[in-house]
Amino acid sequence: MVSSTKIKSVDFYRKIPRDLTEASLSGAGLSIVAALIMVFLFGMELSSYLEVSTTTAVIVDKSADGDFLRIDFNISFPALSCEFASVDVSDVLGTNRLNITKTVHKFPIDPHLMATGTEFHSGLALHNINHGEETKEELPDGAIPLTSGSFESYTHHFPILVVNFYAPWCYWSNRLKPNWEKAANIIKQRYDPESDGRVLLGSVDCTQEAALCRKNHVQGYPSIRIFRKGSDLREDHGHHEHESYYGDRDTDSIVKMVDGLVAPIHPETHAVALDGISNDTVKHLKKAPVTGGCRVEGFVRVKKVPGNLVISAHSGAHSFDSSQMNMSHVVSHLSFGRMISPRLLTDMKRLLPYLGQSHDRLDGKAFINQHEFGANVTIEHYLQIVKAEVITRRSSEEHSLIEEYEYTAHSSVAHTYYLPVAKFHFELSPMQILITENPKSFSHFITNLCAIIGGVFTVAGILDSIFHNTVRLIKKVELGKNI
């Protein structure tokens, strides 16, 4: 066995007996100063170790062919009804998607942008409508022309008032007119207004009664509305809560719809039966908008090529007066790219100083058309988008931490001969910003920490030795002079 004496011979740190050492006041002071310097330098080194250094480079966008870009939005339109609000997407490759509904939600709002009801679901109501055979046959007027002066008296007199809000210049209104008049004559004979008095069909010319149409938030022509006597009257300047009919517009369908509305009403007392309206009628009726605004929110996915996100009034069976459409809007939120998870959001706060912080450039901004009733004004936004990708090396394997899409925005208001829209034209830069994190290794931190302790300890020892020998030398010189 190796003796303990031989093991002790390799001791690098041989000890001096305490009786042979001497403590001094100067040494104690220098030791305290050295300890404070060590603590200070340790804090500086620890801060440097925890701090993330980054390098930034501009490179060609590495997105793979076929990648899609997500656009999240929340935009309020005080003068666009949810009844016709449509979100469309197009791009330079020929993609053209109209009236996206799967990932888009619409909520009616008032002029102050406050919600006035639950989510509006249009479904297939505005498409694939049967208009009947087109005819130029002249039929006697069966529907009663209504005006602002007579409208209220009719709504209070008849339990059911079915009104066609139309415009003489509208193709779809002219297509509906013969079927509407024929249906009105059939209903008049079946439910005589004098003896029966349960239902009446009327018509409103919105070019002559513009105020009445605006009061009932009619934005597309023709609009068939059902007004019920009594409980539907609100204390809101006499405005009626009523329903819209979105079913087929041929004569038989209109008559069947009216029969379904009248059936529950007793012909003498005008009391409503308990069984209510038939399901066949209800499925084509929806609550009409009580306000003329709409908040459109949701997301769409687009190809990473120049394109357009367009919000406008759209219908396959209605016409719109472009001079009356007002596309003023307030952007609550507009962003590009995937939604950031809470975990990544924490890292993003650390990385924000290295990003441009322009991913919400339009948020909270209002774009208001000052012209009365719209006056054919389109509001456009030109967005230039740049991708910023952050790479982290905090783990053993390099991985992407976050993809951030920043954009610049330029907006303009322009007159148009076509239907006004709110257009967001987006174009992605072919270059991207690559931000790489370069954290310091733990071994580097330990090495520097040892260097700090050993260096300060050594320097302090040298200074103490110099000071101690200087004092001894001075004392010897003074002693020699005295002798």
Protein backbone atom coordinates (compact mmCIF):
# COMPACT_ATOMS: atom_id res chain seq x y z
CA MET A 1 0.00 0.00 0.00
CA VAL A 2 1.04 3.55 -0.70
CA SER A 3 1.89 5.30 2.53
CA SER A 4 0.16 8.53 3.52
CA THR A 5 3.54 10.28 3.52
CA LYS A 6 4.01 9.65 -0.20
CA ILE A 7 0.46 10.87 -0.93
CA LYS A 8 1.14 14.07 1.05
CA SER A 9 4.22 14.72 -1.08
CA VAL A 10 2.00 15.63 -4.09
CA ASP A 11 0.18 18.34 -2.13
CA PHE A 12 0.28 21.57 -4.16
CA TYR A 13 -1.04 23.56 -1.24
CA ARG A 14 1.43 22.97 1.59
CA LYS A 15 0.32 24.51 4.83
CA ILE A 16 2.36 26.88 7.01
CA PRO A 17 1.76 26.50 10.71
CA ARG A 18 -0.43 29.26 12.03
CA ASP A 19 2.12 30.13 14.68
CA LEU A 20 4.59 31.10 11.93
CA THR A 21 2.19 33.54 10.23
CA GLU A 22 1.44 37.08 11.24
CA ALA A 23 -1.78 38.99 10.59
CA SER A 24 -1.61 42.69 9.85
CA LEU A 25 -4.13 45.52 9.75
CA SER A 26 -3.12 46.43 6.20
CA GLY A 27 -3.55 42.81 5.08
CA ALA A 28 -7.02 42.70 6.59
CA GLY A 29 -8.06 45.88 4.79
CA LEU A 30 -6.64 44.64 1.50
CA SER A 31 -8.49 41.29 1.95
CA ILE A 32 -11.81 43.12 2.42
CA VAL A 33 -11.21 45.24 -0.68
CA ALA A 34 -10.24 42.12 -2.67
CA ALA A 35 -13.42 40.30 -1.55
CA LEU A 36 -15.61 43.24 -2.62
CA ILE A 37 -13.88 43.38 -6.02
CA MET A 38 -14.45 39.64 -6.47
CA VAL A 39 -18.20 40.02 -5.72
CA PHE A 40 -18.49 42.96 -8.11
CA LEU A 41 -16.68 41.18 -10.95
CA PHE A 42 -18.72 38.02 -10.32
CA GLY A 43 -21.95 40.02 -10.76
CA MET A 44 -20.65 41.59 -13.96
CA GLU A 45 -19.67 38.20 -15.37
CA LEU A 46 -23.01 36.62 -14.39
CA SER A 47 -24.91 39.45 -16.09
CA SER A 48 -22.80 39.01 -19.22
CA TYR A 49 -23.47 35.26 -19.18
CA LEU A 50 -27.26 35.68 -18.88
CA GLU A 51 -27.43 38.39 -21.56
CA VAL A 52 -28.22 37.10 -25.07
CA SER A 53 -26.12 38.53 -27.84
CA THR A 54 -27.63 38.48 -31.34
CA THR A 55 -26.48 38.78 -34.91
CA THR A 56 -28.76 40.09 -37.66
CA ALA A 57 -28.58 39.23 -41.34
CA VAL A 58 -30.72 39.86 -44.42
CA ILE A 59 -31.14 36.72 -46.52
CA VAL A 60 -33.45 35.40 -49.25
CA ASP A 61 -36.78 34.20 -47.84
CA LYS A 62 -36.45 30.51 -47.03
CA SER A 63 -40.20 29.77 -47.17
CA ALA A 64 -40.99 26.56 -49.03
CA ASP A 65 -43.15 26.59 -52.13
CA GLY A 66 -46.74 25.97 -51.05
CA ASP A 67 -46.43 27.67 -47.67
CA PHE A 68 -49.44 29.76 -46.67
CA LEU A 69 -49.61 33.01 -44.75
CA ARG A 70 -52.28 33.51 -42.11
CA ILE A 71 -54.00 36.92 -41.88
CA ASP A 72 -55.89 37.68 -38.65
CA PHE A 73 -58.25 40.65 -38.60
CA ASN A 74 -60.93 42.40 -36.56
CA ILE A 75 -62.46 45.30 -38.50
CA SER A 76 -65.62 47.27 -37.73
CA PHE A 77 -67.80 48.86 -40.44
CA PRO A 78 -70.38 51.28 -38.98
CA ALA A 79 -72.33 51.53 -42.28
CA LEU A 80 -72.03 48.03 -43.84
CA SER A 81 -74.77 45.55 -42.92
CA CYS A 82 -73.78 42.00 -41.90
CA GLU A 83 -76.56 40.91 -44.24
CA PHE A 84 -74.27 41.52 -47.22
CA ALA A 85 -70.75 41.93 -45.76
CA SER A 86 -68.38 39.65 -47.67
CA VAL A 87 -64.69 38.79 -47.21
CA ASP A 88 -62.93 37.99 -50.50
CA VAL A 89 -59.34 36.96 -51.26
CA SER A 90 -57.47 37.08 -54.57
CA ASP A 91 -53.85 36.93 -55.70
CA VAL A 92 -51.67 37.26 -58.81
CA LEU A 93 -51.70 33.48 -59.38
CA GLY A 94 -55.41 33.56 -60.18
CA THR A 95 -56.84 32.56 -56.80
CA ASN A 96 -60.24 34.16 -56.27
CA ARG A 97 -62.23 33.13 -53.20
CA LEU A 98 -65.50 34.99 -52.61
CA ASN A 99 -67.52 35.36 -49.42
CA ILE A 100 -65.34 33.28 -47.09
CA THR A 101 -67.49 32.13 -44.16
CA LYS A 102 -65.77 29.12 -42.57
CA THR A 103 -63.17 31.12 -40.62
CA VAL A 104 -64.93 34.52 -40.63
CA HIS A 105 -67.51 35.74 -38.10
CA LYS A 106 -69.85 38.72 -38.43
CA PHE A 107 -71.52 40.61 -35.58
CA PRO A 108 -74.03 43.49 -36.02
CA ILE A 109 -72.89 46.75 -34.41
CA ASP A 110 -74.28 50.23 -33.92
CA PRO A 111 -72.64 53.49 -35.07
CA HIS A 112 -70.62 53.49 -31.82
CA LEU A 113 -69.16 50.05 -32.69
CA MET A 114 -71.07 48.33 -29.87
CA ALA A 115 -72.48 44.86 -30.59
CA THR A 116 -76.28 44.79 -30.97
CA GLY A 117 -76.86 41.07 -31.33
CA THR A 118 -75.45 37.60 -31.71
CA GLU A 119 -73.34 36.42 -34.63
CA PHE A 120 -75.01 36.79 -38.02
CA HIS A 121 -75.15 33.61 -40.12
CA SER A 122 -76.09 34.15 -43.75
CA GLY A 123 -75.47 30.58 -44.91
CA LEU A 124 -76.65 29.96 -48.46
CA ALA A 125 -79.46 32.49 -48.14
CA LEU A 126 -78.14 34.90 -50.79
CA HIS A 127 -77.25 32.29 -53.40
CA ASN A 128 -79.00 29.69 -55.56
CA ILE A 129 -82.34 31.49 -55.37
CA ASN A 130 -85.11 30.44 -57.78
CA HIS A 131 -86.42 33.58 -59.47
CA GLY A 132 -89.01 31.83 -61.61
CA GLU A 133 -89.35 32.21 -65.35
CA GLU A 134 -88.46 35.62 -66.69
CA THR A 135 -91.52 37.29 -68.20
CA LYS A 136 -92.49 40.66 -69.59
CA GLU A 137 -96.21 40.10 -69.01
CA GLU A 138 -97.97 43.20 -67.71
CA LEU A 139 -99.86 42.36 -64.53
CA PRO A 140 -102.20 44.56 -62.50
CA ASP A 141 -100.60 45.96 -59.36
CA GLY A 142 -101.47 43.77 -56.41
CA ALA A 143 -99.03 45.12 -53.83
CA ILE A 144 -99.88 48.36 -52.03
CA PRO A 145 -97.36 51.19 -52.62
CA LEU A 146 -96.09 52.32 -49.22
CA THR A 147 -94.64 55.69 -48.27
CA SER A 148 -93.13 57.15 -45.11
CA GLY A 149 -96.52 58.61 -44.26
CA SER A 150 -98.55 55.42 -44.68
CA PHE A 151 -96.02 52.82 -43.56
CA GLU A 152 -96.68 53.11 -39.82
CA SER A 153 -100.47 52.92 -40.17
CA TYR A 154 -100.24 49.70 -42.19
CA THR A 155 -97.80 48.07 -39.72
CA HIS A 156 -100.24 48.83 -36.88
CA HIS A 157 -103.33 47.68 -38.79
CA PHE A 158 -102.28 44.29 -40.24
CA PRO A 159 -100.89 41.42 -38.14
CA ILE A 160 -98.55 40.55 -41.03
CA LEU A 161 -97.12 43.12 -43.44
CA VAL A 162 -94.78 41.75 -46.11
CA VAL A 163 -92.85 44.51 -47.87
CA ASN A 164 -90.68 44.49 -50.98
CA PHE A 165 -88.04 47.22 -50.76
CA TYR A 166 -86.88 47.72 -54.35
CA ALA A 167 -85.18 50.09 -56.79
CA PRO A 168 -86.56 50.59 -60.34
CA TRP A 169 -83.04 50.48 -61.88
CA CYS A 170 -82.18 47.15 -60.20
CA TYR A 171 -82.13 44.03 -62.38
CA TRP A 172 -83.14 41.72 -59.54
CA SER A 173 -85.97 44.04 -58.49
CA ASN A 174 -87.36 44.03 -62.02
CA ARG A 175 -86.95 40.25 -62.10
CA LEU A 176 -88.99 39.96 -58.89
CA LYS A 177 -91.69 42.48 -59.80
CA PRO A 178 -94.04 40.28 -61.92
CA ASN A 179 -93.84 37.41 -59.42
CA TRP A 180 -94.41 39.81 -56.53
CA GLU A 181 -97.46 41.44 -58.12
CA LYS A 182 -98.91 38.06 -59.11
CA ALA A 183 -98.38 36.72 -55.59
CA ALA A 184 -99.93 39.90 -54.13
CA ASN A 185 -103.08 39.41 -56.24
CA ILE A 186 -103.35 35.77 -55.14
CA ILE A 187 -102.93 36.73 -51.48
CA LYS A 188 -105.46 39.55 -51.83
CA GLN A 189 -108.06 37.13 -53.17
CA ARG A 190 -107.22 34.46 -50.57
CA TYR A 191 -107.02 36.82 -47.57
CA ASP A 192 -109.19 39.81 -48.41
CA PRO A 193 -107.78 42.92 -46.64
CA GLU A 194 -111.31 44.10 -45.80
CA SER A 195 -112.97 40.91 -44.57
CA ASP A 196 -109.96 38.85 -43.46
CA GLY A 197 -107.37 41.51 -42.60
CA ARG A 198 -104.57 39.17 -41.54
CA VAL A 199 -101.95 40.02 -44.16
CA LEU A 200 -101.01 42.61 -46.73
CA LEU A 201 -98.25 42.74 -49.34
CA GLY A 202 -96.70 46.13 -50.02
CA SER A 203 -93.84 47.70 -51.98
CA VAL A 204 -91.47 50.58 -51.23
CA ASP A 205 -89.57 52.40 -53.99
CA CYS A 206 -86.25 53.19 -52.28
CA THR A 207 -85.38 55.85 -54.87
CA GLN A 208 -88.47 57.79 -53.76
CA GLU A 209 -88.51 56.77 -50.07
CA ALA A 210 -84.78 56.81 -49.27
CA ALA A 211 -85.30 57.83 -45.63
CA LEU A 212 -87.73 54.96 -45.02
CA CYS A 213 -85.28 52.45 -46.52
CA ARG A 214 -82.38 53.79 -44.48
CA LYS A 215 -84.50 53.64 -41.33
CA ASN A 216 -84.98 49.91 -41.92
CA HIS A 217 -81.30 49.45 -42.90
CA VAL A 218 -82.05 48.32 -46.43
CA GLN A 219 -78.75 48.21 -48.34
CA GLY A 220 -79.45 45.63 -51.07
CA TYR A 221 -82.31 45.52 -53.58
CA PRO A 222 -84.76 43.85 -53.50
CA SER A 223 -85.12 43.16 -49.76
CA ILE A 224 -88.25 41.33 -48.60
CA ARG A 225 -89.08 42.12 -44.99
CA ILE A 226 -91.84 40.78 -42.71
CA PHE A 227 -93.30 43.15 -40.11
CA ARG A 228 -95.52 41.80 -37.32
CA LYS A 229 -98.08 43.87 -35.47
CA GLY A 230 -97.60 44.61 -31.77
CA SER A 231 -94.67 43.03 -29.98
CA ASP A 232 -92.13 43.89 -32.66
CA LEU A 233 -92.41 47.65 -32.11
CA ARG A 234 -89.44 49.03 -30.18
CA GLU A 235 -89.12 52.34 -28.39
CA ASP A 236 -86.30 53.32 -30.71
CA HIS A 237 -87.77 56.16 -32.77
CA GLY A 238 -90.56 53.81 -33.79
CA HIS A 239 -88.19 51.31 -35.39
CA HIS A 240 -89.61 47.82 -35.88
CA GLU A 241 -87.73 44.65 -35.17
CA HIS A 242 -88.64 42.48 -38.12
CA GLU A 243 -87.47 39.60 -40.28
CA SER A 244 -85.90 39.19 -43.70
CA TYR A 245 -86.98 36.58 -46.23
CA TYR A 246 -84.14 34.84 -48.12
CA GLY A 247 -86.08 32.08 -49.88
CA ASP A 248 -86.98 31.57 -53.53
CA ARG A 249 -88.64 34.47 -55.34
CA ASP A 250 -90.98 32.69 -57.72
CA THR A 251 -94.72 33.24 -57.26
CA ASP A 252 -95.46 29.85 -55.69
CA SER A 253 -92.66 30.22 -53.10
CA ILE A 254 -93.81 33.71 -52.10
CA VAL A 255 -97.42 32.55 -51.70
CA LYS A 256 -96.33 29.50 -49.70
CA MET A 257 -94.23 31.72 -47.44
CA VAL A 258 -97.18 34.06 -46.79
CA ASP A 259 -99.53 31.11 -46.15
CA GLY A 260 -97.08 29.86 -43.52
CA LEU A 261 -97.06 33.28 -41.83
CA VAL A 262 -100.86 33.62 -41.84
CA ALA A 263 -101.76 30.04 -40.80
CA PRO A 264 -101.16 30.51 -37.03
CA ILE A 265 -103.30 33.68 -36.92
CA HIS A 266 -107.04 33.30 -36.23
CA PRO A 267 -109.01 35.12 -38.97
CA GLU A 268 -111.46 36.80 -36.56
CA THR A 269 -109.53 37.51 -33.40
CA HIS A 270 -106.10 37.77 -35.08
CA ALA A 271 -104.71 35.80 -32.14
CA VAL A 272 -101.65 33.66 -32.81
CA ALA A 273 -102.13 29.90 -32.42
CA LEU A 274 -99.80 27.96 -30.15
CA ASP A 275 -98.41 25.77 -32.92
CA GLY A 276 -96.75 28.84 -34.46
CA ILE A 277 -95.15 29.13 -37.90
CA SER A 278 -94.28 26.04 -39.91
CA ASN A 279 -90.64 24.94 -40.17
CA ASP A 280 -90.70 25.33 -43.97
CA THR A 281 -91.35 29.06 -43.52
CA VAL A 282 -88.99 29.65 -40.60
CA LYS A 283 -85.93 28.26 -42.38
CA HIS A 284 -86.08 31.10 -44.94
CA LEU A 285 -86.64 33.83 -42.34
CA LYS A 286 -83.91 35.55 -40.35
CA LYS A 287 -84.05 38.49 -38.00
CA ALA A 288 -83.47 41.63 -40.03
CA PRO A 289 -80.58 43.90 -38.98
CA VAL A 290 -81.61 46.40 -36.32
CA THR A 291 -78.50 48.46 -37.08
CA GLY A 292 -76.58 49.14 -40.26
CA GLY A 293 -73.08 48.20 -39.08
CA CYS A 294 -71.01 45.03 -38.87
CA ARG A 295 -67.84 43.81 -37.16
CA VAL A 296 -65.95 41.33 -39.30
CA GLU A 297 -63.38 39.17 -37.51
CA GLY A 298 -61.53 35.93 -38.11
CA PHE A 299 -58.66 34.78 -40.31
CA VAL A 300 -57.85 33.64 -43.83
CA ARG A 301 -54.88 31.77 -45.30
CA VAL A 302 -53.31 33.11 -48.47
CA LYS A 303 -50.42 32.15 -50.69
CA LYS A 304 -47.16 34.03 -50.17
CA VAL A 305 -47.57 36.11 -53.32
CA PRO A 306 -49.00 39.60 -53.90
CA GLY A 307 -52.74 39.61 -53.36
CA ASN A 308 -55.78 41.40 -51.96
CA LEU A 309 -58.05 41.02 -48.96
CA VAL A 310 -61.30 42.77 -49.89
CA ILE A 311 -64.31 43.46 -47.67
CA SER A 312 -67.41 44.70 -49.47
CA ALA A 313 -71.13 44.20 -50.01
CA HIS A 314 -71.77 41.07 -52.05
CA SER A 315 -74.80 39.03 -53.05
CA GLY A 316 -75.79 36.78 -55.92
CA ALA A 317 -79.37 38.03 -55.85
CA HIS A 318 -79.22 41.70 -54.86
CA SER A 319 -78.06 44.98 -56.37
CA PHE A 320 -76.41 47.84 -54.51
CA ASP A 321 -76.45 51.59 -54.97
CA SER A 322 -72.74 52.44 -55.00
CA SER A 323 -73.43 56.09 -54.16
CA GLN A 324 -75.08 54.98 -50.89
CA MET A 325 -72.36 52.54 -49.76
CA ASN A 326 -70.07 53.87 -47.04
CA MET A 327 -66.98 51.72 -46.42
CA SER A 328 -65.65 53.66 -43.41
CA HIS A 329 -64.00 51.28 -40.97
CA VAL A 330 -61.98 50.97 -37.77
CA VAL A 331 -59.16 48.41 -37.65
CA SER A 332 -59.06 46.82 -34.20
CA HIS A 333 -56.50 44.21 -35.24
CA LEU A 334 -54.63 43.18 -38.37
CA SER A 335 -51.62 40.88 -38.26
CA PHE A 336 -49.80 38.34 -40.40
CA GLY A 337 -48.40 34.95 -39.45
CA ARG A 338 -49.30 32.34 -36.87
CA MET A 339 -50.75 33.35 -33.52
CA ILE A 340 -48.07 33.47 -30.83
CA SER A 341 -48.41 31.00 -27.96
CA PRO A 342 -48.02 32.25 -24.35
CA ARG A 343 -44.68 30.46 -24.03
CA LEU A 344 -43.29 32.11 -27.13
CA LEU A 345 -44.77 35.45 -26.08
CA THR A 346 -42.49 35.41 -23.01
CA ASP A 347 -39.46 34.93 -25.24
CA MET A 348 -40.77 37.56 -27.63
CA LYS A 349 -40.72 40.20 -24.89
CA ARG A 350 -37.01 39.51 -24.50
CA LEU A 351 -36.48 39.67 -28.25
CA LEU A 352 -38.64 42.71 -29.04
CA PRO A 353 -35.66 45.12 -28.95
CA TYR A 354 -34.24 43.22 -31.94
CA LEU A 355 -37.53 43.30 -33.91
CA GLY A 356 -39.11 46.28 -35.63
CA GLN A 357 -42.24 46.19 -33.45
CA SER A 358 -44.43 47.08 -36.47
CA HIS A 359 -46.57 43.92 -36.58
CA ASP A 360 -49.64 45.93 -35.43
CA ARG A 361 -49.19 49.12 -37.44
CA LEU A 362 -52.89 49.58 -38.32
CA ASP A 363 -54.34 48.47 -34.97
CA GLY A 364 -56.65 51.04 -33.42
CA LYS A 365 -56.77 53.33 -36.47
CA ALA A 366 -59.98 54.65 -38.03
CA PHE A 367 -60.51 55.35 -41.73
CA ILE A 368 -63.61 57.45 -42.15
CA ASN A 369 -65.25 58.52 -45.40
CA GLN A 370 -66.43 62.11 -44.87
CA HIS A 371 -68.75 62.14 -47.89
CA GLU A 372 -72.48 61.91 -47.22
CA PHE A 373 -73.95 58.42 -47.84
CA GLY A 374 -70.66 57.12 -49.32
CA ALA A 375 -70.34 58.91 -52.67
CA ASN A 376 -68.49 56.03 -54.41
CA VAL A 377 -65.40 56.09 -52.21
CA THR A 378 -63.04 53.12 -51.91
CA ILE A 379 -60.52 52.96 -49.04
CA GLU A 380 -57.30 51.11 -49.89
CA HIS A 381 -54.35 49.99 -47.79
CA TYR A 382 -51.03 49.01 -49.38
CA LEU A 383 -49.12 46.69 -47.05
CA GLN A 384 -45.49 45.67 -47.55
CA ILE A 385 -44.64 42.65 -45.40
CA VAL A 386 -41.21 41.46 -44.23
CA LYS A 387 -40.60 38.16 -42.48
CA ALA A 388 -38.34 38.13 -39.41
CA GLU A 389 -37.16 34.77 -38.11
CA VAL A 390 -35.41 34.31 -34.76
CA ILE A 391 -33.09 31.32 -34.28
CA THR A 392 -32.12 30.31 -30.74
CA ARG A 393 -29.27 28.08 -29.58
CA ARG A 394 -30.35 27.80 -25.98
CA SER A 395 -30.82 24.06 -26.39
CA SER A 396 -28.41 21.46 -27.69
CA GLU A 397 -30.15 21.48 -31.07
CA GLU A 398 -30.69 24.67 -33.06
CA HIS A 399 -34.38 25.40 -33.69
CA SER A 400 -36.64 28.24 -34.79
CA LEU A 401 -38.12 30.13 -31.88
CA ILE A 402 -40.56 32.45 -33.63
CA GLU A 403 -41.60 33.79 -37.02
CA GLU A 404 -42.71 37.40 -36.97
CA TYR A 405 -44.22 39.26 -39.94
CA GLU A 406 -43.85 43.01 -39.80
CA TYR A 407 -45.35 45.41 -42.29
CA THR A 408 -45.52 49.01 -43.37
CA ALA A 409 -48.89 50.49 -44.35
CA HIS A 410 -49.88 53.28 -46.72
CA SER A 411 -53.57 54.15 -46.97
CA SER A 412 -55.53 56.18 -49.50
CA VAL A 413 -59.10 57.20 -50.28
CA ALA A 414 -60.16 57.20 -53.93
CA HIS A 415 -63.36 57.71 -55.90
CA THR A 416 -64.50 54.79 -58.02
CA TYR A 417 -67.10 54.07 -60.69
CA TYR A 418 -67.63 50.60 -59.27
CA LEU A 419 -68.98 49.36 -55.95
CA PRO A 420 -66.88 50.86 -53.10
CA VAL A 421 -64.79 48.39 -51.10
CA ALA A 422 -62.24 48.27 -48.30
CA LYS A 423 -59.14 46.75 -49.89
CA PHE A 424 -55.98 45.52 -48.18
CA HIS A 425 -53.33 44.90 -50.83
CA PHE A 426 -50.45 42.86 -49.39
CA GLU A 427 -47.06 42.14 -50.90
CA LEU A 428 -44.33 40.06 -49.27
CA SER A 429 -40.66 40.98 -49.60
CA PRO A 430 -38.45 38.30 -51.23
CA MET A 431 -35.91 38.96 -48.46
CA GLN A 432 -36.21 38.10 -44.80
CA ILE A 433 -34.45 39.17 -41.61
CA LEU A 434 -32.61 36.39 -39.77
CA ILE A 435 -31.90 37.08 -36.10
CA THR A 436 -29.59 34.54 -34.43
CA GLU A 437 -29.08 34.27 -30.68
CA ASN A 438 -25.53 33.56 -29.48
CA PRO A 439 -25.62 32.64 -25.77
CA LYS A 440 -22.31 32.08 -23.92
CA SER A 441 -21.37 28.54 -22.86
CA PHE A 442 -21.36 27.53 -19.20
CA SER A 443 -17.73 26.38 -19.45
CA HIS A 444 -16.75 29.86 -20.60
CA PHE A 445 -18.58 31.32 -17.59
CA ILE A 446 -16.78 28.96 -15.14
CA THR A 447 -13.39 29.70 -16.72
CA ASN A 448 -13.90 33.45 -16.37
CA LEU A 449 -15.14 33.00 -12.82
CA CYS A 450 -11.97 31.10 -11.84
CA ALA A 451 -9.85 33.73 -13.56
CA ILE A 452 -11.58 36.47 -11.55
CA ILE A 453 -11.07 34.73 -8.18
CA GLY A 454 -7.48 33.64 -8.87
CA GLY A 455 -6.52 36.93 -10.49
CA VAL A 456 -7.88 39.14 -7.73
CA PHE A 457 -6.41 36.88 -5.05
CA THR A 458 -2.97 36.92 -6.72
CA VAL A 459 -2.95 40.65 -7.37
CA ALA A 460 -4.06 41.33 -3.81
CA GLY A 461 -1.24 39.07 -2.53
CA ILE A 462 1.34 40.91 -4.63
CA LEU A 463 0.10 44.28 -3.40
CA ASP A 464 0.15 43.09 0.20
CA SER A 465 3.73 41.78 -0.21
CA ILE A 466 4.90 45.03 -1.78
CA PHE A 467 3.25 47.09 0.94
CA HIS A 468 4.61 44.87 3.72
CA ASN A 469 8.22 44.85 2.38
CA THR A 470 8.14 48.60 1.80
CA VAL A 471 7.13 49.18 5.41
CA ARG A 472 9.91 46.87 6.66
CA LEU A 473 12.48 48.64 4.46
CA ILE A 474 11.46 52.05 5.78
CA LYS A 475 11.76 50.80 9.34
CA LYS A 476 15.30 49.44 8.71
CA VAL A 477 16.41 52.72 7.19
CA GLU A 478 15.11 54.68 10.18
CA LEU A 479 16.78 52.23 12.58
CA GLY A 480 20.17 52.61 10.76
CA LYS A 481 20.02 56.39 11.05
CA ASN A 482 19.31 56.21 14.77
CA ILE A 483 22.37 53.98 15.32
